[in-house]
Amino acid sequence: MRLITILFLSGLCSAAFAEQPKPSDFKSAPPPPVLSSEGSPDEPQVTITKEAEQTIEEYRANGRLYMIKVTPKHGKPYYLRDDRGDGKFARQESLDSGLRVPSWVIYKF
Protein backbone atom coordinates (compact mmCIF):
# COMPACT_ATOMS: atom_id res chain seq x y z
CA MET A 1 0.00 0.00 0.00
CA ARG A 2 2.84 2.39 0.81
CA LEU A 3 4.54 1.61 -2.49
CA ILE A 4 1.42 2.48 -4.45
CA THR A 5 1.04 5.76 -2.53
CA ILE A 6 4.68 6.69 -3.10
CA LEU A 7 4.45 5.92 -6.83
CA PHE A 8 1.25 7.91 -7.13
CA LEU A 9 2.72 10.95 -5.33
CA SER A 10 5.94 10.83 -7.35
CA GLY A 11 3.85 10.78 -10.53
CA LEU A 12 2.02 13.89 -9.38
CA CYS A 13 5.29 15.65 -8.55
CA SER A 14 6.85 14.85 -11.91
CA ALA A 15 3.77 16.17 -13.69
CA ALA A 16 3.97 19.39 -11.68
CA PHE A 17 7.58 20.01 -12.71
CA ALA A 18 7.04 19.25 -16.39
CA GLU A 19 7.58 22.36 -18.46
CA GLN A 20 4.99 23.43 -20.95
CA PRO A 21 6.41 23.99 -24.44
CA LYS A 22 6.49 27.64 -25.49
CA PRO A 23 4.92 28.53 -28.82
CA SER A 24 7.38 29.55 -31.53
CA ASP A 25 5.47 32.75 -32.34
CA PHE A 26 5.56 34.00 -28.73
CA LYS A 27 5.50 37.80 -28.50
CA SER A 28 6.13 39.87 -25.43
CA ALA A 29 3.29 41.80 -23.82
CA PRO A 30 2.74 45.37 -24.98
CA PRO A 31 4.01 48.12 -22.68
CA PRO A 32 1.51 49.53 -20.15
CA PRO A 33 -0.30 52.74 -21.09
CA VAL A 34 1.23 56.00 -19.95
CA LEU A 35 -0.83 57.70 -17.26
CA SER A 36 -0.84 61.46 -17.12
CA SER A 37 -0.15 63.19 -13.82
CA GLU A 38 -3.45 65.09 -14.03
CA GLY A 39 -5.62 61.96 -14.03
CA SER A 40 -8.98 61.60 -15.68
CA PRO A 41 -11.82 64.04 -14.97
CA ASP A 42 -13.87 61.21 -13.43
CA GLU A 43 -11.35 60.59 -10.65
CA PRO A 44 -11.84 62.43 -7.36
CA GLN A 45 -9.18 64.98 -6.55
CA VAL A 46 -7.73 65.04 -3.05
CA THR A 47 -6.12 68.11 -1.49
CA ILE A 48 -4.19 67.45 1.71
CA THR A 49 -3.50 70.33 4.11
CA LYS A 50 -1.33 69.65 7.17
CA GLU A 51 -1.67 72.00 10.10
CA ALA A 52 -0.11 71.93 13.56
CA GLU A 53 -2.98 70.12 15.28
CA GLN A 54 -4.73 68.32 12.39
CA THR A 55 -4.59 67.11 8.81
CA ILE A 56 -7.42 68.04 6.44
CA GLU A 57 -8.15 66.12 3.25
CA GLU A 58 -10.62 67.71 0.80
CA TYR A 59 -12.25 65.41 -1.76
CA ARG A 60 -13.57 66.97 -4.98
CA ALA A 61 -15.38 65.42 -7.93
CA ASN A 62 -15.93 67.48 -11.08
CA GLY A 63 -14.64 70.55 -9.20
CA ARG A 64 -17.26 70.22 -6.42
CA LEU A 65 -16.22 69.65 -2.81
CA TYR A 66 -18.23 66.71 -1.49
CA MET A 67 -16.28 65.40 1.53
CA ILE A 68 -13.72 66.56 4.06
CA LYS A 69 -11.71 64.19 6.25
CA VAL A 70 -10.27 65.73 9.41
CA THR A 71 -7.55 63.77 11.22
CA PRO A 72 -6.66 65.38 14.56
CA LYS A 73 -3.16 64.95 15.96
CA HIS A 74 -4.63 63.11 18.95
CA GLY A 75 -7.89 61.26 18.36
CA LYS A 76 -9.90 59.48 15.73
CA PRO A 77 -10.47 60.94 12.26
CA TYR A 78 -13.93 62.12 11.29
CA TYR A 79 -15.62 63.07 8.05
CA LEU A 80 -17.76 66.01 6.95
CA ARG A 81 -20.02 65.06 4.05
CA ASP A 82 -22.23 67.10 1.76
CA ASP A 83 -24.93 64.50 1.07
CA ARG A 84 -27.52 66.84 -0.43
CA GLY A 85 -25.19 68.98 -2.54
CA ASP A 86 -26.27 72.23 -0.87
CA GLY A 87 -22.84 73.07 0.61
CA LYS A 88 -23.83 72.19 4.18
CA PHE A 89 -21.61 69.53 5.68
CA ALA A 90 -22.81 66.99 8.23
CA ARG A 91 -20.36 65.27 10.57
CA GLN A 92 -20.05 61.48 10.36
CA GLU A 93 -17.80 59.46 12.61
CA SER A 94 -17.40 56.79 9.96
CA LEU A 95 -18.48 56.27 6.39
CA ASP A 96 -20.43 53.15 7.33
CA SER A 97 -24.03 53.67 6.20
CA GLY A 98 -25.35 50.89 8.42
CA LEU A 99 -26.70 48.93 5.44
CA ARG A 100 -26.04 45.24 5.89
CA VAL A 101 -26.47 43.12 2.79
CA PRO A 102 -27.45 39.52 3.57
CA SER A 103 -25.03 36.82 2.51
CA TRP A 104 -25.37 33.09 2.23
CA VAL A 105 -22.90 30.22 2.09
CA ILE A 106 -23.14 28.74 -1.40
CA TYR A 107 -20.46 26.11 -1.21
CA LYS A 108 -18.29 24.96 1.66
CA PHE A 109 -15.34 22.60 1.29
Foldseek 3Di string as FASTA:
>chain_A
DVVVVVVVVVVVVVVVPDDDDDDPPDDDDDDDDDADPVHDLQDWDWDWDDDDFWIKIFTHHNNHTAKIWIGGPDDAIWMWGDPPSPPHTDIDRDPDPPDDDDDDDDDDD
